C-alpha cells in the first residue's frame, strides 16, 4: 500500500518519506508543507464530530424510548376503553334479554 501527501497526489509524484522528519522528500526539497500525516487539528475535528454524533444518537434513542412509553400508555388506555364498552354492551344485552323475557306472552 502506498501513501502520498496531498502535494504529491495532486502532482502525481511518487512520495518518498524521510523517516527522520516524517515528511516526504519532495516537500522537503521545495520547502512545502507536507500533508502526509493527518494534522492534529483534523484529528480534533473528527473527534469533536464523533462526540456530537454520539450525543445526537443518545438524544434520539432517549426520544424513541419516551415515544414508545407514551404509545404503550395510549394503547393501555385504548384497551381500558374497549373493556369498558364491552362490559356496558354485555350489560345492555342482558337487560334487553331479561326485559324481552318478562314481557313475552306466556
PDB file of N, CA and C in Angstrom:
ATOM      1  N   UNK A   1       0.846  -1.174   0.000  1.00  0.00           N
ATOM      2  CA  UNK A   1       0.000   0.000   0.000  1.00  0.00           C
ATOM      3  C   UNK A   1       0.892   1.238   0.000  1.00  0.00           C
ATOM      4  N   UNK A   2       0.623   2.155  -0.892  1.00  0.00           N
ATOM      5  CA  UNK A   2       1.428   3.371  -0.967  1.00  0.00           C
ATOM      6  C   UNK A   2       0.616   4.553  -0.468  1.00  0.00           C
ATOM      7  N   UNK A   3       1.320   5.449   0.194  1.00  0.00           N
ATOM      8  CA  UNK A   3       0.697   6.666   0.701  1.00  0.00           C
ATOM      9  C   UNK A   3       1.393   7.854   0.066  1.00  0.00           C
ATOM     10  N   UNK A   4       0.621   8.852  -0.267  1.00  0.00           N
ATOM     11  CA  UNK A   4       1.195  10.072  -0.818  1.00  0.00           C
ATOM     12  C   UNK A   4       0.591  11.266  -0.105  1.00  0.00           C
ATOM     13  N   UNK A   5       1.407  12.294   0.046  1.00  0.00           N
ATOM     14  CA  UNK A   5       0.886  13.529   0.627  1.00  0.00           C
ATOM     15  C   UNK A   5       0.008  14.221  -0.424  1.00  0.00           C
ATOM     16  N   UNK A   6      -0.699  15.239  -0.004  1.00  0.00           N
ATOM     17  CA  UNK A   6      -1.621  15.924  -0.927  1.00  0.00           C
ATOM     18  C   UNK A   6      -0.881  16.528  -2.119  1.00  0.00           C
ATOM     19  N   UNK A   7       0.294  17.104  -1.873  1.00  0.00           N
ATOM     20  CA  UNK A   7       1.064  17.733  -2.951  1.00  0.00           C
ATOM     21  C   UNK A   7       1.497  16.701  -3.989  1.00  0.00           C
ATOM     22  N   UNK A   8       2.030  15.569  -3.518  1.00  0.00           N
ATOM     23  CA  UNK A   8       2.472  14.517  -4.448  1.00  0.00           C
ATOM     24  C   UNK A   8       1.276  13.889  -5.156  1.00  0.00           C
ATOM     25  N   UNK A   9       0.187  13.732  -4.453  1.00  0.00           N
ATOM     26  CA  UNK A   9      -1.027  13.180  -5.063  1.00  0.00           C
ATOM     27  C   UNK A   9      -1.510  14.106  -6.174  1.00  0.00           C
ATOM     28  N   UNK A  10      -1.553  15.397  -5.884  1.00  0.00           N
ATOM     29  CA  UNK A  10      -2.040  16.383  -6.860  1.00  0.00           C
ATOM     30  C   UNK A  10      -1.140  16.427  -8.098  1.00  0.00           C
ATOM     31  N   UNK A  11       0.166  16.343  -7.883  1.00  0.00           N
ATOM     32  CA  UNK A  11       1.114  16.432  -8.996  1.00  0.00           C
ATOM     33  C   UNK A  11       1.447  15.054  -9.580  1.00  0.00           C
ATOM     34  N   UNK A  12       0.806  14.023  -9.046  1.00  0.00           N
ATOM     35  CA  UNK A  12       1.018  12.644  -9.477  1.00  0.00           C
ATOM     36  C   UNK A  12       2.499  12.255  -9.390  1.00  0.00           C
ATOM     37  N   UNK A  13       3.109  12.587  -8.241  1.00  0.00           N
ATOM     38  CA  UNK A  13       4.515  12.271  -7.990  1.00  0.00           C
ATOM     39  C   UNK A  13       4.611  11.099  -7.020  1.00  0.00           C
ATOM     40  N   UNK A  14       5.743  10.406  -7.055  1.00  0.00           N
ATOM     41  CA  UNK A  14       5.994   9.393  -6.033  1.00  0.00           C
ATOM     42  C   UNK A  14       6.372  10.122  -4.762  1.00  0.00           C
ATOM     43  N   UNK A  15       5.942   9.599  -3.658  1.00  0.00           N
ATOM     44  CA  UNK A  15       6.143  10.265  -2.369  1.00  0.00           C
ATOM     45  C   UNK A  15       7.119   9.429  -1.538  1.00  0.00           C
ATOM     46  N   UNK A  16       8.337   9.934  -1.378  1.00  0.00           N
ATOM     47  CA  UNK A  16       9.352   9.235  -0.596  1.00  0.00           C
ATOM     48  C   UNK A  16       9.443   9.893   0.773  1.00  0.00           C
ATOM     49  N   UNK A  17       9.134   9.130   1.806  1.00  0.00           N
ATOM     50  CA  UNK A  17       9.088   9.693   3.161  1.00  0.00           C
ATOM     51  C   UNK A  17      10.470   9.668   3.801  1.00  0.00           C
ATOM     52  N   UNK A  18      10.831  10.807   4.376  1.00  0.00           N
ATOM     53  CA  UNK A  18      12.043  10.909   5.177  1.00  0.00           C
ATOM     54  C   UNK A  18      11.649  10.497   6.595  1.00  0.00           C
ATOM     55  N   UNK A  19      12.129   9.339   7.030  1.00  0.00           N
ATOM     56  CA  UNK A  19      11.702   8.817   8.332  1.00  0.00           C
ATOM     57  C   UNK A  19      12.122   9.713   9.491  1.00  0.00           C
ATOM     58  N   UNK A  20      13.170  10.475   9.320  1.00  0.00           N
ATOM     59  CA  UNK A  20      13.629  11.357  10.395  1.00  0.00           C
ATOM     60  C   UNK A  20      12.650  12.500  10.640  1.00  0.00           C
ATOM     61  N   UNK A  21      12.093  13.048   9.559  1.00  0.00           N
ATOM     62  CA  UNK A  21      11.207  14.211   9.710  1.00  0.00           C
ATOM     63  C   UNK A  21       9.725  13.850   9.598  1.00  0.00           C
ATOM     64  N   UNK A  22       9.424  12.690   9.008  1.00  0.00           N
ATOM     65  CA  UNK A  22       8.026  12.318   8.792  1.00  0.00           C
ATOM     66  C   UNK A  22       7.416  13.060   7.621  1.00  0.00           C
ATOM     67  N   UNK A  23       8.268  13.708   6.824  1.00  0.00           N
ATOM     68  CA  UNK A  23       7.800  14.425   5.635  1.00  0.00           C
ATOM     69  C   UNK A  23       8.400  13.763   4.402  1.00  0.00           C
ATOM     70  N   UNK A  24       7.759  14.031   3.257  1.00  0.00           N
ATOM     71  CA  UNK A  24       8.290  13.419   2.042  1.00  0.00           C
ATOM     72  C   UNK A  24       9.440  14.269   1.495  1.00  0.00           C
ATOM     73  N   UNK A  25      10.298  13.606   0.772  1.00  0.00           N
ATOM     74  CA  UNK A  25      11.492  14.262   0.229  1.00  0.00           C
ATOM     75  C   UNK A  25      11.126  15.387  -0.733  1.00  0.00           C
ATOM     76  N   UNK A  26      10.059  15.205  -1.509  1.00  0.00           N
ATOM     77  CA  UNK A  26       9.647  16.236  -2.461  1.00  0.00           C
ATOM     78  C   UNK A  26       9.242  17.526  -1.763  1.00  0.00           C
ATOM     79  N   UNK A  27       8.497  17.420  -0.690  1.00  0.00           N
ATOM     80  CA  UNK A  27       8.073  18.621   0.047  1.00  0.00           C
ATOM     81  C   UNK A  27       9.262  19.277   0.742  1.00  0.00           C
ATOM     82  N   UNK A  28      10.162  18.452   1.275  1.00  0.00           N
ATOM     83  CA  UNK A  28      11.355  18.995   1.928  1.00  0.00           C
ATOM     84  C   UNK A  28      12.189  19.761   0.910  1.00  0.00           C
ATOM     85  N   UNK A  29      12.335  19.212  -0.294  1.00  0.00           N
ATOM     86  CA  UNK A  29      13.172  19.829  -1.330  1.00  0.00           C
ATOM     87  C   UNK A  29      12.651  21.197  -1.744  1.00  0.00           C
ATOM     88  N   UNK A  30      11.339  21.358  -1.820  1.00  0.00           N
ATOM     89  CA  UNK A  30      10.782  22.648  -2.256  1.00  0.00           C
ATOM     90  C   UNK A  30      10.274  23.477  -1.075  1.00  0.00           C
ATOM     91  N   UNK A  31      10.577  22.993   0.136  1.00  0.00           N
ATOM     92  CA  UNK A  31      10.176  23.677   1.371  1.00  0.00           C
ATOM     93  C   UNK A  31       8.658  23.903   1.442  1.00  0.00           C
ATOM     94  N   UNK A  32       7.927  22.866   1.021  1.00  0.00           N
ATOM     95  CA  UNK A  32       6.459  22.917   1.081  1.00  0.00           C
ATOM     96  C   UNK A  32       5.988  22.200   2.341  1.00  0.00           C
ATOM     97  N   UNK A  33       4.822  22.583   2.800  1.00  0.00           N
ATOM     98  CA  UNK A  33       4.242  21.899   3.960  1.00  0.00           C
ATOM     99  C   UNK A  33       3.756  20.520   3.504  1.00  0.00           C
ATOM    100  N   UNK A  34       4.220  19.491   4.175  1.00  0.00           N
ATOM    101  CA  UNK A  34       3.871  18.124   3.791  1.00  0.00           C
ATOM    102  C   UNK A  34       2.648  17.662   4.585  1.00  0.00           C
ATOM    103  N   UNK A  35       1.696  17.121   3.864  1.00  0.00           N
ATOM    104  CA  UNK A  35       0.446  16.678   4.499  1.00  0.00           C
ATOM    105  C   UNK A  35       0.350  15.160   4.530  1.00  0.00           C
ATOM    106  N   UNK A  36       1.486  14.507   4.692  1.00  0.00           N
ATOM    107  CA  UNK A  36       1.490  13.047   4.700  1.00  0.00           C
ATOM    108  C   UNK A  36       0.687  12.511   5.885  1.00  0.00           C
ATOM    109  N   UNK A  37       0.875  13.105   7.038  1.00  0.00           N
ATOM    110  CA  UNK A  37       0.132  12.692   8.231  1.00  0.00           C
ATOM    111  C   UNK A  37      -1.058  13.619   8.443  1.00  0.00           C
ATOM    112  N   UNK A  38      -2.073  13.078   9.039  1.00  0.00           N
ATOM    113  CA  UNK A  38      -3.256  13.877   9.367  1.00  0.00           C
ATOM    114  C   UNK A  38      -2.856  14.855  10.466  1.00  0.00           C
ATOM    115  N   UNK A  39      -3.268  16.107  10.309  1.00  0.00           N
ATOM    116  CA  UNK A  39      -2.896  17.129  11.287  1.00  0.00           C
ATOM    117  C   UNK A  39      -3.666  16.929  12.591  1.00  0.00           C
ATOM    118  N   UNK A  40      -3.091  17.462  13.660  1.00  0.00           N
ATOM    119  CA  UNK A  40      -3.748  17.382  14.974  1.00  0.00           C
ATOM    120  C   UNK A  40      -5.109  18.074  14.923  1.00  0.00           C
ATOM    121  N   UNK A  41      -5.174  19.169  14.191  1.00  0.00           N
ATOM    122  CA  UNK A  41      -6.440  19.900  14.044  1.00  0.00           C
ATOM    123  C   UNK A  41      -7.512  19.019  13.388  1.00  0.00           C
ATOM    124  N   UNK A  42      -7.110  18.264  12.366  1.00  0.00           N
ATOM    125  CA  UNK A  42      -8.069  17.372  11.699  1.00  0.00           C
ATOM    126  C   UNK A  42      -8.509  16.245  12.626  1.00  0.00           C
ATOM    127  N   UNK A  43      -7.554  15.702  13.431  1.00  0.00           N
ATOM    128  CA  UNK A  43      -7.909  14.673  14.411  1.00  0.00           C
ATOM    129  C   UNK A  43      -8.908  15.222  15.428  1.00  0.00           C
ATOM    130  N   UNK A  44      -8.637  16.432  15.927  1.00  0.00           N
ATOM    131  CA  UNK A  44      -9.533  17.045  16.914  1.00  0.00           C
ATOM    132  C   UNK A  44     -10.912  17.297  16.318  1.00  0.00           C
ATOM    133  N   UNK A  45     -10.933  17.708  15.059  1.00  0.00           N
ATOM    134  CA  UNK A  45     -12.207  17.971  14.385  1.00  0.00           C
ATOM    135  C   UNK A  45     -13.035  16.691  14.266  1.00  0.00           C
ATOM    136  N   UNK A  46     -12.387  15.603  13.856  1.00  0.00           N
ATOM    137  CA  UNK A  46     -13.125  14.344  13.699  1.00  0.00           C
ATOM    138  C   UNK A  46     -13.567  13.804  15.064  1.00  0.00           C
ATOM    139  N   UNK A  47     -12.759  13.994  16.095  1.00  0.00           N
ATOM    140  CA  UNK A  47     -13.152  13.573  17.443  1.00  0.00           C
ATOM    141  C   UNK A  47     -14.360  14.377  17.932  1.00  0.00           C
ATOM    142  N   UNK A  48     -14.352  15.680  17.695  1.00  0.00           N
ATOM    143  CA  UNK A  48     -15.485  16.524  18.090  1.00  0.00           C
ATOM    144  C   UNK A  48     -16.746  16.120  17.333  1.00  0.00           C
ATOM    145  N   UNK A  49     -16.591  15.831  16.049  1.00  0.00           N
ATOM    146  CA  UNK A  49     -17.741  15.406  15.247  1.00  0.00           C
ATOM    147  C   UNK A  49     -18.284  14.072  15.756  1.00  0.00           C
ATOM    148  N   UNK A  50     -17.388  13.174  16.115  1.00  0.00           N
ATOM    149  CA  UNK A  50     -17.810  11.870  16.641  1.00  0.00           C
ATOM    150  C   UNK A  50     -18.557  12.044  17.966  1.00  0.00           C
ATOM    151  N   UNK A  51     -18.044  12.899  18.846  1.00  0.00           N
ATOM    152  CA  UNK A  51     -18.736  13.162  20.123  1.00  0.00           C
ATOM    153  C   UNK A  51     -20.122  13.736  19.877  1.00  0.00           C
ATOM    154  N   UNK A  52     -20.215  14.663  18.920  1.00  0.00           N
ATOM    155  CA  UNK A  52     -21.500  15.290  18.593  1.00  0.00           C
ATOM    156  C   UNK A  52     -22.493  14.248  18.076  1.00  0.00           C
ATOM    157  N   UNK A  53     -22.029  13.356  17.211  1.00  0.00           N
ATOM    158  CA  UNK A  53     -22.909  12.313  16.660  1.00  0.00           C
ATOM    159  C   UNK A  53     -23.358  11.345  17.747  1.00  0.00           C
ATOM    160  N   UNK A  54     -22.451  11.006  18.677  1.00  0.00           N
ATOM    161  CA  UNK A  54     -22.836  10.131  19.792  1.00  0.00           C
ATOM    162  C   UNK A  54     -23.911  10.798  20.652  1.00  0.00           C
ATOM    163  N   UNK A  55     -23.760  12.080  20.881  1.00  0.00           N
ATOM    164  CA  UNK A  55     -24.740  12.827  21.664  1.00  0.00           C
ATOM    165  C   UNK A  55     -26.080  12.876  20.934  1.00  0.00           C
ATOM    166  N   UNK A  56     -26.052  13.144  19.638  1.00  0.00           N
ATOM    167  CA  UNK A  56     -27.288  13.154  18.847  1.00  0.00           C
ATOM    168  C   UNK A  56     -27.966  11.788  18.882  1.00  0.00           C
ATOM    169  N   UNK A  57     -27.169  10.737  18.773  1.00  0.00           N
ATOM    170  CA  UNK A  57     -27.713   9.381  18.811  1.00  0.00           C
ATOM    171  C   UNK A  57     -28.346   9.089  20.173  1.00  0.00           C
ATOM    172  N   UNK A  58     -27.670   9.468  21.250  1.00  0.00           N
ATOM    173  CA  UNK A  58     -28.215   9.249  22.599  1.00  0.00           C
ATOM    174  C   UNK A  58     -29.525  10.001  22.775  1.00  0.00           C
ATOM    175  N   UNK A  59     -29.578  11.239  22.285  1.00  0.00           N
ATOM    176  CA  UNK A  59     -30.823  12.012  22.385  1.00  0.00           C
ATOM    177  C   UNK A  59     -31.938  11.361  21.567  1.00  0.00           C
ATOM    178  N   UNK A  60     -31.591  10.871  20.401  1.00  0.00           N
ATOM    179  CA  UNK A  60     -32.574  10.217  19.541  1.00  0.00           C
ATOM    180  C   UNK A  60     -33.092   8.936  20.195  1.00  0.00           C
ATOM    181  N   UNK A  61     -32.183   8.157  20.786  1.00  0.00           N
ATOM    182  CA  UNK A  61     -32.594   6.929  21.477  1.00  0.00           C
ATOM    183  C   UNK A  61     -33.481   7.252  22.670  1.00  0.00           C
ATOM    184  N   UNK A  62     -33.146   8.323  23.379  1.00  0.00           N
ATOM    185  CA  UNK A  62     -33.958   8.752  24.521  1.00  0.00           C
ATOM    186  C   UNK A  62     -35.361   9.152  24.054  1.00  0.00           C
ATOM    187  N   UNK A  63     -35.435   9.891  22.970  1.00  0.00           N
ATOM    188  CA  UNK A  63     -36.732  10.305  22.436  1.00  0.00           C
ATOM    189  C   UNK A  63     -37.530   9.089  21.967  1.00  0.00           C
ATOM    190  N   UNK A  64     -36.861   8.134  21.328  1.00  0.00           N
ATOM    191  CA  UNK A  64     -37.539   6.917  20.876  1.00  0.00           C
ATOM    192  C   UNK A  64     -38.105   6.152  22.067  1.00  0.00           C
ATOM    193  N   UNK A  65     -37.331   6.028  23.132  1.00  0.00           N
ATOM    194  CA  UNK A  65     -37.800   5.328  24.333  1.00  0.00           C
ATOM    195  C   UNK A  65     -39.002   6.049  24.937  1.00  0.00           C
ATOM    196  N   UNK A  66     -38.946   7.377  24.982  1.00  0.00           N
ATOM    197  CA  UNK A  66     -40.064   8.153  25.527  1.00  0.00           C
ATOM    198  C   UNK A  66     -41.319   7.946  24.689  1.00  0.00           C
ATOM    199  N   UNK A  67     -41.174   7.980  23.371  1.00  0.00           N
ATOM    200  CA  UNK A  67     -42.324   7.793  22.486  1.00  0.00           C
ATOM    201  C   UNK A  67     -42.896   6.384  22.601  1.00  0.00           C
ATOM    202  N   UNK A  68     -42.026   5.380  22.767  1.00  0.00           N
ATOM    203  CA  UNK A  68     -42.515   4.007  22.947  1.00  0.00           C
ATOM    204  C   UNK A  68     -43.338   3.895  24.234  1.00  0.00           C
ATOM    205  N   UNK A  69     -42.842   4.525  25.310  1.00  0.00           N
ATOM    206  CA  UNK A  69     -43.570   4.509  26.578  1.00  0.00           C
ATOM    207  C   UNK A  69     -44.913   5.202  26.433  1.00  0.00           C
ATOM    208  N   UNK A  70     -44.931   6.363  25.777  1.00  0.00           N
ATOM    209  CA  UNK A  70     -46.183   7.093  25.569  1.00  0.00           C
ATOM    210  C   UNK A  70     -47.163   6.274  24.731  1.00  0.00           C
ATOM    211  N   UNK A  71     -46.656   5.579  23.723  1.00  0.00           N
ATOM    212  CA  UNK A  71     -47.517   4.734  22.895  1.00  0.00           C
ATOM    213  C   UNK A  71     -48.119   3.607  23.728  1.00  0.00           C
ATOM    214  N   UNK A  72     -47.316   2.990  24.582  1.00  0.00           N
ATOM    215  CA  UNK A  72     -47.831   1.932  25.455  1.00  0.00           C
ATOM    216  C   UNK A  72     -48.924   2.464  26.377  1.00  0.00           C
ATOM    217  N   UNK A  73     -48.750   3.677  26.888  1.00  0.00           N
ATOM    218  CA  UNK A  73     -49.770   4.282  27.750  1.00  0.00           C
ATOM    219  C   UNK A  73     -51.071   4.501  26.984  1.00  0.00           C
ATOM    220  N   UNK A  74     -50.975   4.973  25.749  1.00  0.00           N
ATOM    221  CA  UNK A  74     -52.170   5.197  24.927  1.00  0.00           C
ATOM    222  C   UNK A  74     -52.841   3.865  24.605  1.00  0.00           C
ATOM    223  N   UNK A  75     -52.043   2.853  24.281  1.00  0.00           N
ATOM    224  CA  UNK A  75     -52.613   1.531  23.990  1.00  0.00           C
ATOM    225  C   UNK A  75     -53.311   0.949  25.215  1.00  0.00           C
ATOM    226  N   UNK A  76     -52.749   1.186  26.400  1.00  0.00           N
ATOM    227  CA  UNK A  76     -53.386   0.712  27.633  1.00  0.00           C
ATOM    228  C   UNK A  76     -54.719   1.422  27.852  1.00  0.00           C
ATOM    229  N   UNK A  77     -54.740   2.717  27.601  1.00  0.00           N
ATOM    230  CA  UNK A  77     -55.996   3.472  27.718  1.00  0.00           C
ATOM    231  C   UNK A  77     -57.020   2.954  26.704  1.00  0.00           C
ATOM    232  N   UNK A  78     -56.561   2.658  25.493  1.00  0.00           N
ATOM    233  CA  UNK A  78     -57.434   2.123  24.451  1.00  0.00           C
ATOM    234  C   UNK A  78     -58.044   0.789  24.897  1.00  0.00           C
ATOM    235  N   UNK A  79     -57.208  -0.097  25.498  1.00  0.00           N
ATOM    236  CA  UNK A  79     -57.712  -1.379  25.994  1.00  0.00           C
ATOM    237  C   UNK A  79     -58.742  -1.178  27.098  1.00  0.00           C
ATOM    238  N   UNK A  80     -58.472  -0.231  27.984  1.00  0.00           N
ATOM    239  CA  UNK A  80     -59.413   0.043  29.075  1.00  0.00           C
ATOM    240  C   UNK A  80     -60.743   0.538  28.514  1.00  0.00           C
ATOM    241  N   UNK A  81     -60.699   1.401  27.512  1.00  0.00           N
ATOM    242  CA  UNK A  81     -61.940   1.888  26.886  1.00  0.00           C
ATOM    243  C   UNK A  81     -62.698   0.737  26.233  1.00  0.00           C
ATOM    244  N   UNK A  82     -61.970  -0.131  25.523  1.00  0.00           N
ATOM    245  CA  UNK A  82     -62.618  -1.262  24.852  1.00  0.00           C
ATOM    246  C   UNK A  82     -63.243  -2.203  25.875  1.00  0.00           C
ATOM    247  N   UNK A  83     -62.526  -2.487  26.967  1.00  0.00           N
ATOM    248  CA  UNK A  83     -63.072  -3.356  28.020  1.00  0.00           C
ATOM    249  C   UNK A  83     -64.320  -2.740  28.640  1.00  0.00           C
ATOM    250  N   UNK A  84     -64.281  -1.444  28.894  1.00  0.00           N
ATOM    251  CA  UNK A  84     -65.431  -0.745  29.489  1.00  0.00           C
ATOM    252  C   UNK A  84     -66.634  -0.804  28.554  1.00  0.00           C
ATOM    253  N   UNK A  85     -66.414  -0.485  27.272  1.00  0.00           N
ATOM    254  CA  UNK A  85     -67.524  -0.513  26.312  1.00  0.00           C
ATOM    255  C   UNK A  85     -68.070  -1.930  26.143  1.00  0.00           C
ATOM    256  N   UNK A  86     -67.184  -2.923  26.142  1.00  0.00           N
ATOM    257  CA  UNK A  86     -67.630  -4.311  26.019  1.00  0.00           C
ATOM    258  C   UNK A  86     -68.499  -4.696  27.217  1.00  0.00           C
ATOM    259  N   UNK A  87     -68.078  -4.309  28.411  1.00  0.00           N
ATOM    260  CA  UNK A  87     -68.858  -4.616  29.615  1.00  0.00           C
ATOM    261  C   UNK A  87     -70.220  -3.934  29.566  1.00  0.00           C
ATOM    262  N   UNK A  88     -70.263  -2.671  29.125  1.00  0.00           N
ATOM    263  CA  UNK A  88     -71.542  -1.953  29.025  1.00  0.00           C
ATOM    264  C   UNK A  88     -72.463  -2.602  28.001  1.00  0.00           C
ATOM    265  N   UNK A  89     -71.919  -3.003  26.855  1.00  0.00           N
ATOM    266  CA  UNK A  89     -72.734  -3.664  25.830  1.00  0.00           C
ATOM    267  C   UNK A  89     -73.284  -4.995  26.343  1.00  0.00           C
ATOM    268  N   UNK A  90     -72.457  -5.744  27.067  1.00  0.00           N
ATOM    269  CA  UNK A  90     -72.921  -7.013  27.631  1.00  0.00           C
ATOM    270  C   UNK A  90     -74.045  -6.781  28.621  1.00  0.00           C
ATOM    271  N   UNK A  91     -73.910  -5.769  29.462  1.00  0.00           N
ATOM    272  CA  UNK A  91     -74.950  -5.432  30.434  1.00  0.00           C
ATOM    273  C   UNK A  91     -76.232  -5.025  29.724  1.00  0.00           C
ATOM    274  N   UNK A  92     -76.122  -4.198  28.708  1.00  0.00           N
ATOM    275  CA  UNK A  92     -77.308  -3.776  27.948  1.00  0.00           C
ATOM    276  C   UNK A  92     -77.988  -4.975  27.296  1.00  0.00           C
ATOM    277  N   UNK A  93     -77.217  -5.878  26.735  1.00  0.00           N
ATOM    278  CA  UNK A  93     -77.790  -7.063  26.088  1.00  0.00           C
ATOM    279  C   UNK A  93     -78.520  -7.940  27.103  1.00  0.00           C
ATOM    280  N   UNK A  94     -77.936  -8.119  28.283  1.00  0.00           N
ATOM    281  CA  UNK A  94     -78.606  -8.926  29.313  1.00  0.00           C
ATOM    282  C   UNK A  94     -79.909  -8.287  29.756  1.00  0.00           C
ATOM    283  N   UNK A  95     -79.859  -6.965  29.972  1.00  0.00           N
ATOM    284  CA  UNK A  95     -81.074  -6.264  30.397  1.00  0.00           C
ATOM    285  C   UNK A  95     -82.144  -6.340  29.318  1.00  0.00           C
ATOM    286  N   UNK A  96     -81.741  -6.237  28.071  1.00  0.00           N
ATOM    287  CA  UNK A  96     -82.689  -6.324  26.960  1.00  0.00           C
ATOM    288  C   UNK A  96     -83.307  -7.722  26.904  1.00  0.00           C
ATOM    289  N   UNK A  97     -82.467  -8.757  27.051  1.00  0.00           N
ATOM    290  CA  UNK A  97     -82.970 -10.128  27.030  1.00  0.00           C
ATOM    291  C   UNK A  97     -83.917 -10.387  28.198  1.00  0.00           C
ATOM    292  N   UNK A  98     -83.581  -9.854  29.368  1.00  0.00           N
ATOM    293  CA  UNK A  98     -84.450 -10.030  30.534  1.00  0.00           C
ATOM    294  C   UNK A  98     -85.775  -9.315  30.328  1.00  0.00           C
ATOM    295  N   UNK A  99     -85.715  -8.122  29.749  1.00  0.00           N
ATOM    296  CA  UNK A  99     -86.943  -7.358  29.504  1.00  0.00           C
ATOM    297  C   UNK A  99     -87.812  -8.076  28.488  1.00  0.00           C
ATOM    298  N   UNK A 100     -87.215  -8.629  27.476  1.00  0.00           N
ATOM    299  CA  UNK A 100     -87.979  -9.358  26.460  1.00  0.00           C
ATOM    300  C   UNK A 100     -88.565 -10.639  27.049  1.00  0.00           C
ATOM    301  N   UNK A 101     -87.858 -11.253  27.973  1.00  0.00           N
ATOM    302  CA  UNK A 101     -88.326 -12.484  28.592  1.00  0.00           C
ATOM    303  C   UNK A 101     -89.501 -12.250  29.522  1.00  0.00           C
ATOM    304  N   UNK A 102     -89.559 -11.134  30.216  1.00  0.00           N
ATOM    305  CA  UNK A 102     -90.656 -10.864  31.154  1.00  0.00           C
ATOM    306  C   UNK A 102     -91.871 -10.307  30.447  1.00  0.00           C
ATOM    307  N   UNK A 103     -91.682  -9.698  29.298  1.00  0.00           N
ATOM    308  CA  UNK A 103     -92.833  -9.130  28.587  1.00  0.00           C
ATOM    309  C   UNK A 103     -93.400 -10.075  27.549  1.00  0.00           C
ATOM    310  N   UNK A 104     -92.789 -11.221  27.371  1.00  0.00           N
ATOM    311  CA  UNK A 104     -93.276 -12.172  26.367  1.00  0.00           C
ATOM    312  C   UNK A 104     -94.546 -12.853  26.888  1.00  0.00           C
ATOM    313  N   UNK A 105     -95.527 -13.047  26.002  1.00  0.00           N
ATOM    314  CA  UNK A 105     -96.757 -13.719  26.440  1.00  0.00           C
ATOM    315  C   UNK A 105     -96.467 -15.173  26.805  1.00  0.00           C
ATOM    316  N   UNK A 106     -97.090 -15.597  27.812  1.00  0.00           N
ATOM    317  CA  UNK A 106     -96.746 -16.922  28.208  1.00  0.00           C
ATOM    318  C   UNK A 106     -97.749 -17.653  28.864  1.00  0.00           C
TER     319      UNK A 106
END
